[in-house]
Amino acid sequence: MIEVILKRFENPDETRVFEKGRFDVVRLGGLTIGRAQYEPGWRWSTHVGPQAGTELCEVEHVGMVISGRAAVAMRDGRQFELAAGSLFYIPPDPHDSWVIGDEPYVSLHFHGAGDYTR
């Protein structure tokens, strides 16, 4: 018999904490889903990179922005802005990201959450 499973990010399976942010992980139905929460001033290369041991993020992402805004800069110089309501795909090419403005940033990650910050 297949069972229904209900989970909430308020009680995640795992939480990865770093300066100015956190990444909550929920495992559900064979998927690993993440919720990123970053404070104003957060930057991947500054606040996660040293912990992950890489200069730039190399994880592939598929997700949706819930609130706030962030920038993504690819190593080749291309830059993109993510805003509330945006669905995004970011390839595993090296990239940096940071919060834009004074509002906290929150996004859900449907792909790449298992490897994020590692």
PDB file of N, CA and C in Angstrom:
ATOM      1  N   MET A   1       0.837  -1.181   0.000  1.00  0.00           N
ATOM      2  CA  MET A   1       0.000   0.000   0.000  1.00  0.00           C
ATOM      3  C   MET A   1       0.888   1.253   0.000  1.00  0.00           C
ATOM      4  N   ILE A   2       0.552   2.192  -0.835  1.00  0.00           N
ATOM      5  CA  ILE A   2       1.272   3.459  -0.893  1.00  0.00           C
ATOM      6  C   ILE A   2       0.657   4.407   0.131  1.00  0.00           C
ATOM      7  N   GLU A   3       1.527   5.033   0.927  1.00  0.00           N
ATOM      8  CA  GLU A   3       1.056   5.939   1.966  1.00  0.00           C
ATOM      9  C   GLU A   3       1.214   7.391   1.544  1.00  0.00           C
ATOM     10  N   VAL A   4       0.336   8.225   2.036  1.00  0.00           N
ATOM     11  CA  VAL A   4       0.446   9.667   1.849  1.00  0.00           C
ATOM     12  C   VAL A   4       1.446  10.181   2.884  1.00  0.00           C
ATOM     13  N   ILE A   5       2.348  11.047   2.443  1.00  0.00           N
ATOM     14  CA  ILE A   5       3.343  11.644   3.342  1.00  0.00           C
ATOM     15  C   ILE A   5       3.168  13.154   3.294  1.00  0.00           C
ATOM     16  N   LEU A   6       3.062  13.783   4.433  1.00  0.00           N
ATOM     17  CA  LEU A   6       2.959  15.232   4.523  1.00  0.00           C
ATOM     18  C   LEU A   6       4.136  15.752   5.331  1.00  0.00           C
ATOM     19  N   LYS A   7       4.804  16.763   4.819  1.00  0.00           N
ATOM     20  CA  LYS A   7       5.918  17.388   5.517  1.00  0.00           C
ATOM     21  C   LYS A   7       5.809  18.894   5.365  1.00  0.00           C
ATOM     22  N   ARG A   8       6.544  19.610   6.227  1.00  0.00           N
ATOM     23  CA  ARG A   8       6.582  21.070   6.171  1.00  0.00           C
ATOM     24  C   ARG A   8       8.027  21.523   6.371  1.00  0.00           C
ATOM     25  N   PHE A   9       8.375  22.657   5.777  1.00  0.00           N
ATOM     26  CA  PHE A   9       9.719  23.192   5.958  1.00  0.00           C
ATOM     27  C   PHE A   9       9.966  23.664   7.389  1.00  0.00           C
ATOM     28  N   GLU A  10       8.911  23.862   8.168  1.00  0.00           N
ATOM     29  CA  GLU A  10       9.083  24.238   9.570  1.00  0.00           C
ATOM     30  C   GLU A  10       9.708  23.100  10.376  1.00  0.00           C
ATOM     31  N   ASN A  11       9.688  21.888   9.823  1.00  0.00           N
ATOM     32  CA  ASN A  11      10.294  20.727  10.462  1.00  0.00           C
ATOM     33  C   ASN A  11      11.075  19.946   9.395  1.00  0.00           C
ATOM     34  N   PRO A  12      12.177  20.532   8.881  1.00  0.00           N
ATOM     35  CA  PRO A  12      12.903  19.904   7.777  1.00  0.00           C
ATOM     36  C   PRO A  12      13.646  18.645   8.204  1.00  0.00           C
ATOM     37  N   ASP A  13      14.011  17.839   7.219  1.00  0.00           N
ATOM     38  CA  ASP A  13      14.835  16.659   7.473  1.00  0.00           C
ATOM     39  C   ASP A  13      16.279  17.055   7.774  1.00  0.00           C
ATOM     40  N   GLU A  14      16.701  18.195   7.233  1.00  0.00           N
ATOM     41  CA  GLU A  14      18.077  18.666   7.414  1.00  0.00           C
ATOM     42  C   GLU A  14      18.091  20.173   7.245  1.00  0.00           C
ATOM     43  N   THR A  15      18.947  20.846   7.998  1.00  0.00           N
ATOM     44  CA  THR A  15      19.150  22.285   7.845  1.00  0.00           C
ATOM     45  C   THR A  15      20.640  22.558   7.720  1.00  0.00           C
ATOM     46  N   ARG A  16      21.009  23.281   6.683  1.00  0.00           N
ATOM     47  CA  ARG A  16      22.403  23.681   6.464  1.00  0.00           C
ATOM     48  C   ARG A  16      22.476  25.179   6.748  1.00  0.00           C
ATOM     49  N   VAL A  17      23.208  25.541   7.791  1.00  0.00           N
ATOM     50  CA  VAL A  17      23.264  26.932   8.247  1.00  0.00           C
ATOM     51  C   VAL A  17      24.620  27.528   7.887  1.00  0.00           C
ATOM     52  N   PHE A  18      24.603  28.777   7.439  1.00  0.00           N
ATOM     53  CA  PHE A  18      25.819  29.523   7.147  1.00  0.00           C
ATOM     54  C   PHE A  18      25.527  30.981   7.454  1.00  0.00           C
ATOM     55  N   GLU A  19      26.565  31.793   7.496  1.00  0.00           N
ATOM     56  CA  GLU A  19      26.377  33.201   7.827  1.00  0.00           C
ATOM     57  C   GLU A  19      25.381  33.844   6.864  1.00  0.00           C
ATOM     58  N   LYS A  20      24.421  34.557   7.416  1.00  0.00           N
ATOM     59  CA  LYS A  20      23.388  35.285   6.669  1.00  0.00           C
ATOM     60  C   LYS A  20      22.413  34.385   5.916  1.00  0.00           C
ATOM     61  N   GLY A  21      22.370  33.092   6.260  1.00  0.00           N
ATOM     62  CA  GLY A  21      21.423  32.260   5.539  1.00  0.00           C
ATOM     63  C   GLY A  21      21.303  30.855   6.065  1.00  0.00           C
ATOM     64  N   ARG A  22      20.349  30.156   5.464  1.00  0.00           N
ATOM     65  CA  ARG A  22      20.128  28.752   5.789  1.00  0.00           C
ATOM     66  C   ARG A  22      19.469  28.091   4.587  1.00  0.00           C
ATOM     67  N   PHE A  23      19.632  26.771   4.534  1.00  0.00           N
ATOM     68  CA  PHE A  23      19.047  25.978   3.471  1.00  0.00           C
ATOM     69  C   PHE A  23      18.412  24.761   4.124  1.00  0.00           C
ATOM     70  N   ASP A  24      17.084  24.722   4.125  1.00  0.00           N
ATOM     71  CA  ASP A  24      16.340  23.614   4.724  1.00  0.00           C
ATOM     72  C   ASP A  24      16.045  22.575   3.654  1.00  0.00           C
ATOM     73  N   VAL A  25      16.195  21.304   4.008  1.00  0.00           N
ATOM     74  CA  VAL A  25      16.017  20.204   3.071  1.00  0.00           C
ATOM     75  C   VAL A  25      14.902  19.278   3.557  1.00  0.00           C
ATOM     76  N   VAL A  26      13.995  18.937   2.643  1.00  0.00           N
ATOM     77  CA  VAL A  26      12.931  17.972   2.907  1.00  0.00           C
ATOM     78  C   VAL A  26      13.034  16.892   1.837  1.00  0.00           C
ATOM     79  N   ARG A  27      13.029  15.641   2.274  1.00  0.00           N
ATOM     80  CA  ARG A  27      13.045  14.504   1.349  1.00  0.00           C
ATOM     81  C   ARG A  27      11.635  13.923   1.316  1.00  0.00           C
ATOM     82  N   LEU A  28      11.106  13.811   0.085  1.00  0.00           N
ATOM     83  CA  LEU A  28       9.700  13.445  -0.054  1.00  0.00           C
ATOM     84  C   LEU A  28       9.475  12.720  -1.375  1.00  0.00           C
ATOM     85  N   GLY A  29       8.945  11.514  -1.324  1.00  0.00           N
ATOM     86  CA  GLY A  29       8.603  10.793  -2.546  1.00  0.00           C
ATOM     87  C   GLY A  29       9.754  10.617  -3.507  1.00  0.00           C
ATOM     88  N   GLY A  30      10.952  10.406  -3.014  1.00  0.00           N
ATOM     89  CA  GLY A  30      12.120  10.241  -3.871  1.00  0.00           C
ATOM     90  C   GLY A  30      12.765  11.547  -4.314  1.00  0.00           C
ATOM     91  N   LEU A  31      12.202  12.682  -3.918  1.00  0.00           N
ATOM     92  CA  LEU A  31      12.756  13.993  -4.264  1.00  0.00           C
ATOM     93  C   LEU A  31      13.444  14.616  -3.046  1.00  0.00           C
ATOM     94  N   THR A  32      14.440  15.440  -3.317  1.00  0.00           N
ATOM     95  CA  THR A  32      15.056  16.264  -2.291  1.00  0.00           C
ATOM     96  C   THR A  32      14.741  17.702  -2.658  1.00  0.00           C
ATOM     97  N   ILE A  33      13.964  18.375  -1.817  1.00  0.00           N
ATOM     98  CA  ILE A  33      13.503  19.740  -2.080  1.00  0.00           C
ATOM     99  C   ILE A  33      14.131  20.655  -1.045  1.00  0.00           C
ATOM    100  N   GLY A  34      14.612  21.810  -1.490  1.00  0.00           N
ATOM    101  CA  GLY A  34      15.254  22.745  -0.577  1.00  0.00           C
ATOM    102  C   GLY A  34      14.538  24.076  -0.515  1.00  0.00           C
ATOM    103  N   ARG A  35      14.670  24.736   0.636  1.00  0.00           N
ATOM    104  CA  ARG A  35      14.188  26.112   0.785  1.00  0.00           C
ATOM    105  C   ARG A  35      15.372  26.954   1.229  1.00  0.00           C
ATOM    106  N   ALA A  36      15.751  27.901   0.376  1.00  0.00           N
ATOM    107  CA  ALA A  36      16.836  28.830   0.676  1.00  0.00           C
ATOM    108  C   ALA A  36      16.257  30.078   1.313  1.00  0.00           C
ATOM    109  N   GLN A  37      16.887  30.544   2.389  1.00  0.00           N
ATOM    110  CA  GLN A  37      16.499  31.790   3.047  1.00  0.00           C
ATOM    111  C   GLN A  37      17.775  32.587   3.293  1.00  0.00           C
ATOM    112  N   TYR A  38      17.885  33.731   2.634  1.00  0.00           N
ATOM    113  CA  TYR A  38      19.092  34.547   2.723  1.00  0.00           C
ATOM    114  C   TYR A  38      18.748  35.955   3.187  1.00  0.00           C
ATOM    115  N   GLU A  39      19.576  36.497   4.057  1.00  0.00           N
ATOM    116  CA  GLU A  39      19.404  37.857   4.549  1.00  0.00           C
ATOM    117  C   GLU A  39      20.036  38.849   3.567  1.00  0.00           C
ATOM    118  N   PRO A  40      19.607  40.120   3.630  1.00  0.00           N
ATOM    119  CA  PRO A  40      20.277  41.146   2.828  1.00  0.00           C
ATOM    120  C   PRO A  40      21.781  41.120   3.118  1.00  0.00           C
ATOM    121  N   GLY A  41      22.571  41.263   2.086  1.00  0.00           N
ATOM    122  CA  GLY A  41      24.021  41.230   2.224  1.00  0.00           C
ATOM    123  C   GLY A  41      24.624  39.856   1.982  1.00  0.00           C
ATOM    124  N   TRP A  42      23.776  38.814   1.867  1.00  0.00           N
ATOM    125  CA  TRP A  42      24.279  37.464   1.618  1.00  0.00           C
ATOM    126  C   TRP A  42      24.846  37.369   0.206  1.00  0.00           C
ATOM    127  N   ARG A  43      25.958  36.640   0.077  1.00  0.00           N
ATOM    128  CA  ARG A  43      26.578  36.368  -1.218  1.00  0.00           C
ATOM    129  C   ARG A  43      27.148  34.957  -1.174  1.00  0.00           C
ATOM    130  N   TRP A  44      26.865  34.155  -2.200  1.00  0.00           N
ATOM    131  CA  TRP A  44      27.314  32.767  -2.207  1.00  0.00           C
ATOM    132  C   TRP A  44      28.824  32.663  -2.041  1.00  0.00           C
ATOM    133  N   SER A  45      29.590  33.407  -2.836  1.00  0.00           N
ATOM    134  CA  SER A  45      31.049  33.279  -2.808  1.00  0.00           C
ATOM    135  C   SER A  45      31.655  33.675  -1.463  1.00  0.00           C
ATOM    136  N   THR A  46      30.961  34.504  -0.703  1.00  0.00           N
ATOM    137  CA  THR A  46      31.451  34.947   0.607  1.00  0.00           C
ATOM    138  C   THR A  46      30.944  34.056   1.730  1.00  0.00           C
ATOM    139  N   HIS A  47      29.670  33.695   1.705  1.00  0.00           N
ATOM    140  CA  HIS A  47      29.039  33.049   2.852  1.00  0.00           C
ATOM    141  C   HIS A  47      28.863  31.533   2.724  1.00  0.00           C
ATOM    142  N   VAL A  48      28.972  30.991   1.518  1.00  0.00           N
ATOM    143  CA  VAL A  48      28.827  29.550   1.331  1.00  0.00           C
ATOM    144  C   VAL A  48      30.091  28.950   0.716  1.00  0.00           C
ATOM    145  N   GLY A  49      30.698  29.641  -0.218  1.00  0.00           N
ATOM    146  CA  GLY A  49      31.873  29.132  -0.925  1.00  0.00           C
ATOM    147  C   GLY A  49      32.966  28.575  -0.034  1.00  0.00           C
ATOM    148  N   PRO A  50      33.394  29.321   0.995  1.00  0.00           N
ATOM    149  CA  PRO A  50      34.452  28.776   1.862  1.00  0.00           C
ATOM    150  C   PRO A  50      34.043  27.464   2.537  1.00  0.00           C
ATOM    151  N   GLN A  51      32.792  27.350   2.936  1.00  0.00           N
ATOM    152  CA  GLN A  51      32.279  26.125   3.565  1.00  0.00           C
ATOM    153  C   GLN A  51      32.204  24.984   2.548  1.00  0.00           C
ATOM    154  N   ALA A  52      31.825  25.318   1.305  1.00  0.00           N
ATOM    155  CA  ALA A  52      31.696  24.313   0.245  1.00  0.00           C
ATOM    156  C   ALA A  52      33.047  23.958  -0.372  1.00  0.00           C
ATOM    157  N   GLY A  53      34.055  24.813  -0.163  1.00  0.00           N
ATOM    158  CA  GLY A  53      35.389  24.554  -0.700  1.00  0.00           C
ATOM    159  C   GLY A  53      35.557  24.919  -2.154  1.00  0.00           C
ATOM    160  N   THR A  54      34.658  25.773  -2.691  1.00  0.00           N
ATOM    161  CA  THR A  54      34.775  26.224  -4.076  1.00  0.00           C
ATOM    162  C   THR A  54      34.565  27.732  -4.149  1.00  0.00           C
ATOM    163  N   GLU A  55      35.181  28.340  -5.142  1.00  0.00           N
ATOM    164  CA  GLU A  55      35.056  29.789  -5.331  1.00  0.00           C
ATOM    165  C   GLU A  55      33.646  30.173  -5.771  1.00  0.00           C
ATOM    166  N   LEU A  56      33.068  29.368  -6.664  1.00  0.00           N
ATOM    167  CA  LEU A  56      31.729  29.626  -7.200  1.00  0.00           C
ATOM    168  C   LEU A  56      30.876  28.369  -7.076  1.00  0.00           C
ATOM    169  N   CYS A  57      29.569  28.556  -7.092  1.00  0.00           N
ATOM    170  CA  CYS A  57      28.642  27.430  -7.029  1.00  0.00           C
ATOM    171  C   CYS A  57      28.664  26.689  -8.363  1.00  0.00           C
ATOM    172  N   GLU A  58      28.690  25.357  -8.305  1.00  0.00           N
ATOM    173  CA  GLU A  58      28.700  24.545  -9.517  1.00  0.00           C
ATOM    174  C   GLU A  58      27.519  23.573  -9.549  1.00  0.00           C
ATOM    175  N   VAL A  59      26.491  23.871  -8.749  1.00  0.00           N
ATOM    176  CA  VAL A  59      25.309  23.020  -8.667  1.00  0.00           C
ATOM    177  C   VAL A  59      24.264  23.487  -9.683  1.00  0.00           C
ATOM    178  N   GLU A  60      23.604  22.536 -10.324  1.00  0.00           N
ATOM    179  CA  GLU A  60      22.498  22.827 -11.233  1.00  0.00           C
ATOM    180  C   GLU A  60      21.251  23.079 -10.380  1.00  0.00           C
ATOM    181  N   HIS A  61      20.504  24.127 -10.710  1.00  0.00           N
ATOM    182  CA  HIS A  61      19.328  24.496  -9.926  1.00  0.00           C
ATOM    183  C   HIS A  61      18.080  24.582 -10.796  1.00  0.00           C
ATOM    184  N   VAL A  62      16.970  24.093 -10.276  1.00  0.00           N
ATOM    185  CA  VAL A  62      15.640  24.365 -10.818  1.00  0.00           C
ATOM    186  C   VAL A  62      14.806  24.783  -9.617  1.00  0.00           C
ATOM    187  N   GLY A  63      14.204  25.973  -9.691  1.00  0.00           N
ATOM    188  CA  GLY A  63      13.473  26.439  -8.531  1.00  0.00           C
ATOM    189  C   GLY A  63      12.509  27.556  -8.817  1.00  0.00           C
ATOM    190  N   MET A  64      12.018  28.136  -7.726  1.00  0.00           N
ATOM    191  CA  MET A  64      11.061  29.239  -7.802  1.00  0.00           C
ATOM    192  C   MET A  64      11.331  30.209  -6.658  1.00  0.00           C
ATOM    193  N   VAL A  65      11.332  31.493  -6.974  1.00  0.00           N
ATOM    194  CA  VAL A  65      11.530  32.523  -5.965  1.00  0.00           C
ATOM    195  C   VAL A  65      10.196  32.808  -5.283  1.00  0.00           C
ATOM    196  N   ILE A  66      10.186  32.729  -3.963  1.00  0.00           N
ATOM    197  CA  ILE A  66       8.994  33.001  -3.174  1.00  0.00           C
ATOM    198  C   ILE A  66       8.917  34.481  -2.813  1.00  0.00           C
ATOM    199  N   SER A  67      10.045  35.047  -2.380  1.00  0.00           N
ATOM    200  CA  SER A  67      10.063  36.474  -2.020  1.00  0.00           C
ATOM    201  C   SER A  67      11.471  37.022  -2.147  1.00  0.00           C
ATOM    202  N   GLY A  68      11.555  38.344  -2.297  1.00  0.00           N
ATOM    203  CA  GLY A  68      12.843  39.009  -2.421  1.00  0.00           C
ATOM    204  C   GLY A  68      13.393  38.939  -3.832  1.00  0.00           C
ATOM    205  N   ARG A  69      14.650  39.410  -3.951  1.00  0.00           N
ATOM    206  CA  ARG A  69      15.324  39.423  -5.249  1.00  0.00           C
ATOM    207  C   ARG A  69      16.772  38.981  -5.053  1.00  0.00           C
ATOM    208  N   ALA A  70      17.314  38.346  -6.083  1.00  0.00           N
ATOM    209  CA  ALA A  70      18.716  37.940  -6.073  1.00  0.00           C
ATOM    210  C   ALA A  70      19.275  38.080  -7.476  1.00  0.00           C
ATOM    211  N   ALA A  71      20.586  38.232  -7.542  1.00  0.00           N
ATOM    212  CA  ALA A  71      21.293  38.262  -8.823  1.00  0.00           C
ATOM    213  C   ALA A  71      22.093  36.980  -8.949  1.00  0.00           C
ATOM    214  N   VAL A  72      22.251  36.535 -10.199  1.00  0.00           N
ATOM    215  CA  VAL A  72      23.104  35.392 -10.516  1.00  0.00           C
ATOM    216  C   VAL A  72      24.083  35.867 -11.576  1.00  0.00           C
ATOM    217  N   ALA A  73      25.368  35.612 -11.349  1.00  0.00           N
ATOM    218  CA  ALA A  73      26.402  35.991 -12.312  1.00  0.00           C
ATOM    219  C   ALA A  73      27.175  34.744 -12.720  1.00  0.00           C
ATOM    220  N   MET A  74      27.148  34.452 -13.996  1.00  0.00           N
ATOM    221  CA  MET A  74      27.888  33.317 -14.526  1.00  0.00           C
ATOM    222  C   MET A  74      29.354  33.713 -14.679  1.00  0.00           C
ATOM    223  N   ARG A  75      30.227  32.735 -14.674  1.00  0.00           N
ATOM    224  CA  ARG A  75      31.662  33.013 -14.796  1.00  0.00           C
ATOM    225  C   ARG A  75      31.975  33.787 -16.078  1.00  0.00           C
ATOM    226  N   ASP A  76      31.194  33.575 -17.146  1.00  0.00           N
ATOM    227  CA  ASP A  76      31.466  34.257 -18.414  1.00  0.00           C
ATOM    228  C   ASP A  76      30.983  35.710 -18.430  1.00  0.00           C
ATOM    229  N   GLY A  77      30.419  36.202 -17.300  1.00  0.00           N
ATOM    230  CA  GLY A  77      30.018  37.604 -17.207  1.00  0.00           C
ATOM    231  C   GLY A  77      28.530  37.855 -17.363  1.00  0.00           C
ATOM    232  N   ARG A  78      27.769  36.886 -17.847  1.00  0.00           N
ATOM    233  CA  ARG A  78      26.323  37.084 -17.957  1.00  0.00           C
ATOM    234  C   ARG A  78      25.706  37.193 -16.563  1.00  0.00           C
ATOM    235  N   GLN A  79      24.741  38.114 -16.421  1.00  0.00           N
ATOM    236  CA  GLN A  79      24.064  38.293 -15.142  1.00  0.00           C
ATOM    237  C   GLN A  79      22.553  38.249 -15.342  1.00  0.00           C
ATOM    238  N   PHE A  80      21.864  37.725 -14.319  1.00  0.00           N
ATOM    239  CA  PHE A  80      20.416  37.582 -14.365  1.00  0.00           C
ATOM    240  C   PHE A  80      19.846  38.005 -13.023  1.00  0.00           C
ATOM    241  N   GLU A  81      18.616  38.496 -13.042  1.00  0.00           N
ATOM    242  CA  GLU A  81      17.945  38.849 -11.794  1.00  0.00           C
ATOM    243  C   GLU A  81      16.762  37.918 -11.577  1.00  0.00           C
ATOM    244  N   LEU A  82      16.663  37.401 -10.353  1.00  0.00           N
ATOM    245  CA  LEU A  82      15.549  36.552  -9.951  1.00  0.00           C
ATOM    246  C   LEU A  82      14.673  37.355  -9.009  1.00  0.00           C
ATOM    247  N   ALA A  83      13.366  37.327  -9.226  1.00  0.00           N
ATOM    248  CA  ALA A  83      12.428  38.077  -8.385  1.00  0.00           C
ATOM    249  C   ALA A  83      11.263  37.173  -8.008  1.00  0.00           C
ATOM    250  N   ALA A  84      10.515  37.587  -7.003  1.00  0.00           N
ATOM    251  CA  ALA A  84       9.373  36.804  -6.519  1.00  0.00           C
ATOM    252  C   ALA A  84       8.498  36.371  -7.694  1.00  0.00           C
ATOM    253  N   GLY A  85       8.190  35.092  -7.749  1.00  0.00           N
ATOM    254  CA  GLY A  85       7.379  34.529  -8.821  1.00  0.00           C
ATOM    255  C   GLY A  85       8.184  33.942  -9.960  1.00  0.00           C
ATOM    256  N   SER A  86       9.488  34.251 -10.029  1.00  0.00           N
ATOM    257  CA  SER A  86      10.327  33.713 -11.104  1.00  0.00           C
ATOM    258  C   SER A  86      10.572  32.233 -10.912  1.00  0.00           C
ATOM    259  N   LEU A  87      10.407  31.470 -11.980  1.00  0.00           N
ATOM    260  CA  LEU A  87      10.866  30.093 -12.040  1.00  0.00           C
ATOM    261  C   LEU A  87      12.231  30.139 -12.707  1.00  0.00           C
ATOM    262  N   PHE A  88      13.191  29.363 -12.210  1.00  0.00           N
ATOM    263  CA  PHE A  88      14.534  29.482 -12.769  1.00  0.00           C
ATOM    264  C   PHE A  88      15.190  28.125 -12.998  1.00  0.00           C
ATOM    265  N   TYR A  89      16.033  28.121 -14.024  1.00  0.00           N
ATOM    266  CA  TYR A  89      16.971  27.027 -14.282  1.00  0.00           C
ATOM    267  C   TYR A  89      18.340  27.662 -14.375  1.00  0.00           C
ATOM    268  N   ILE A  90      19.273  27.177 -13.578  1.00  0.00           N
ATOM    269  CA  ILE A  90      20.654  27.653 -13.626  1.00  0.00           C
ATOM    270  C   ILE A  90      21.519  26.425 -13.878  1.00  0.00           C
ATOM    271  N   PRO A  91      22.288  26.429 -14.973  1.00  0.00           N
ATOM    272  CA  PRO A  91      23.101  25.249 -15.296  1.00  0.00           C
ATOM    273  C   PRO A  91      24.226  25.067 -14.280  1.00  0.00           C
ATOM    274  N   PRO A  92      24.884  23.893 -14.299  1.00  0.00           N
ATOM    275  CA  PRO A  92      25.955  23.625 -13.348  1.00  0.00           C
ATOM    276  C   PRO A  92      27.260  24.339 -13.672  1.00  0.00           C
ATOM    277  N   ASP A  93      27.222  25.306 -14.570  1.00  0.00           N
ATOM    278  CA  ASP A  93      28.398  26.122 -14.855  1.00  0.00           C
ATOM    279  C   ASP A  93      28.684  27.008 -13.647  1.00  0.00           C
ATOM    280  N   PRO A  94      29.953  27.282 -13.341  1.00  0.00           N
ATOM    281  CA  PRO A  94      30.280  28.099 -12.165  1.00  0.00           C
ATOM    282  C   PRO A  94      29.531  29.440 -12.177  1.00  0.00           C
ATOM    283  N   HIS A  95      28.935  29.760 -11.018  1.00  0.00           N
ATOM    284  CA  HIS A  95      28.172  31.007 -10.894  1.00  0.00           C
ATOM    285  C   HIS A  95      28.187  31.492  -9.447  1.00  0.00           C
ATOM    286  N   ASP A  96      27.984  32.777  -9.284  1.00  0.00           N
ATOM    287  CA  ASP A  96      27.856  33.390  -7.969  1.00  0.00           C
ATOM    288  C   ASP A  96      26.434  33.936  -7.879  1.00  0.00           C
ATOM    289  N   SER A  97      25.975  34.200  -6.674  1.00  0.00           N
ATOM    290  CA  SER A  97      24.671  34.841  -6.509  1.00  0.00           C
ATOM    291  C   SER A  97      24.684  35.654  -5.227  1.00  0.00           C
ATOM    292  N   TRP A  98      23.779  36.637  -5.165  1.00  0.00           N
ATOM    293  CA  TRP A  98      23.704  37.504  -3.994  1.00  0.00           C
ATOM    294  C   TRP A  98      22.316  38.119  -3.901  1.00  0.00           C
ATOM    295  N   VAL A  99      21.959  38.508  -2.682  1.00  0.00           N
ATOM    296  CA  VAL A  99      20.669  39.153  -2.436  1.00  0.00           C
ATOM    297  C   VAL A  99      20.746  40.594  -2.922  1.00  0.00           C
ATOM    298  N   ILE A 100      19.686  41.036  -3.583  1.00  0.00           N
ATOM    299  CA  ILE A 100      19.563  42.424  -4.035  1.00  0.00           C
ATOM    300  C   ILE A 100      18.616  43.151  -3.075  1.00  0.00           C
ATOM    301  N   GLY A 101      19.020  44.301  -2.591  1.00  0.00           N
ATOM    302  CA  GLY A 101      18.134  45.136  -1.783  1.00  0.00           C
ATOM    303  C   GLY A 101      18.109  44.761  -0.308  1.00  0.00           C
ATOM    304  N   ASP A 102      17.102  45.273   0.383  1.00  0.00           N
ATOM    305  CA  ASP A 102      17.000  45.144   1.838  1.00  0.00           C
ATOM    306  C   ASP A 102      15.985  44.101   2.298  1.00  0.00           C
ATOM    307  N   GLU A 103      15.378  43.379   1.368  1.00  0.00           N
ATOM    308  CA  GLU A 103      14.378  42.373   1.723  1.00  0.00           C
ATOM    309  C   GLU A 103      15.023  40.983   1.713  1.00  0.00           C
ATOM    310  N   PRO A 104      14.722  40.138   2.695  1.00  0.00           N
ATOM    311  CA  PRO A 104      15.232  38.766   2.655  1.00  0.00           C
ATOM    312  C   PRO A 104      14.754  38.051   1.388  1.00  0.00           C
ATOM    313  N   TYR A 105      15.554  37.099   0.948  1.00  0.00           N
ATOM    314  CA  TYR A 105      15.271  36.314  -0.247  1.00  0.00           C
ATOM    315  C   TYR A 105      14.902  34.891   0.173  1.00  0.00           C
ATOM    316  N   VAL A 106      13.839  34.353  -0.413  1.00  0.00           N
ATOM    317  CA  VAL A 106      13.421  32.982  -0.145  1.00  0.00           C
ATOM    318  C   VAL A 106      13.103  32.311  -1.480  1.00  0.00           C
ATOM    319  N   SER A 107      13.648  31.100  -1.681  1.00  0.00           N
ATOM    320  CA  SER A 107      13.340  30.344  -2.899  1.00  0.00           C
ATOM    321  C   SER A 107      13.236  28.863  -2.576  1.00  0.00           C
ATOM    322  N   LEU A 108      12.489  28.154  -3.422  1.00  0.00           N
ATOM    323  CA  LEU A 108      12.379  26.706  -3.338  1.00  0.00           C
ATOM    324  C   LEU A 108      13.231  26.097  -4.448  1.00  0.00           C
ATOM    325  N   HIS A 109      13.903  24.991  -4.132  1.00  0.00           N
ATOM    326  CA  HIS A 109      14.791  24.326  -5.092  1.00  0.00           C
ATOM    327  C   HIS A 109      14.299  22.896  -5.280  1.00  0.00           C
ATOM    328  N   PHE A 110      13.854  22.598  -6.507  1.00  0.00           N
ATOM    329  CA  PHE A 110      13.302  21.288  -6.835  1.00  0.00           C
ATOM    330  C   PHE A 110      14.337  20.349  -7.440  1.00  0.00           C
ATOM    331  N   HIS A 111      15.463  20.898  -7.858  1.00  0.00           N
ATOM    332  CA  HIS A 111      16.570  20.106  -8.407  1.00  0.00           C
ATOM    333  C   HIS A 111      17.862  20.735  -7.911  1.00  0.00           C
ATOM    334  N   GLY A 112      18.784  19.925  -7.462  1.00  0.00           N
ATOM    335  CA  GLY A 112      20.071  20.420  -6.980  1.00  0.00           C
ATOM    336  C   GLY A 112      20.151  20.582  -5.475  1.00  0.00           C
ATOM    337  N   ALA A 113      19.050  20.433  -4.777  1.00  0.00           N
ATOM    338  CA  ALA A 113      19.018  20.666  -3.327  1.00  0.00           C
ATOM    339  C   ALA A 113      19.915  19.686  -2.582  1.00  0.00           C
ATOM    340  N   GLY A 114      20.026  18.466  -3.049  1.00  0.00           N
ATOM    341  CA  GLY A 114      20.852  17.483  -2.360  1.00  0.00           C
ATOM    342  C   GLY A 114      22.321  17.848  -2.336  1.00  0.00           C
ATOM    343  N   ASP A 115      22.799  18.546  -3.384  1.00  0.00           N
ATOM    344  CA  ASP A 115      24.212  18.897  -3.485  1.00  0.00           C
ATOM    345  C   ASP A 115      24.520  20.322  -3.033  1.00  0.00           C
ATOM    346  N   TYR A 116      23.495  21.125  -2.813  1.00  0.00           N
ATOM    347  CA  TYR A 116      23.718  22.538  -2.514  1.00  0.00           C
ATOM    348  C   TYR A 116      24.462  22.715  -1.194  1.00  0.00           C
ATOM    349  N   THR A 117      25.432  23.592  -1.177  1.00  0.00           N
ATOM    350  CA  THR A 117      26.328  23.947  -0.073  1.00  0.00           C
ATOM    351  C   THR A 117      27.324  22.843   0.251  1.00  0.00           C
ATOM    352  N   ARG A 118      27.435  21.840  -0.584  1.00  0.00           N
ATOM    353  CA  ARG A 118      28.360  20.729  -0.308  1.00  0.00           C
ATOM    354  C   ARG A 118      29.540  20.767  -1.235  1.00  0.00           C
TER     355      ARG A 118
END
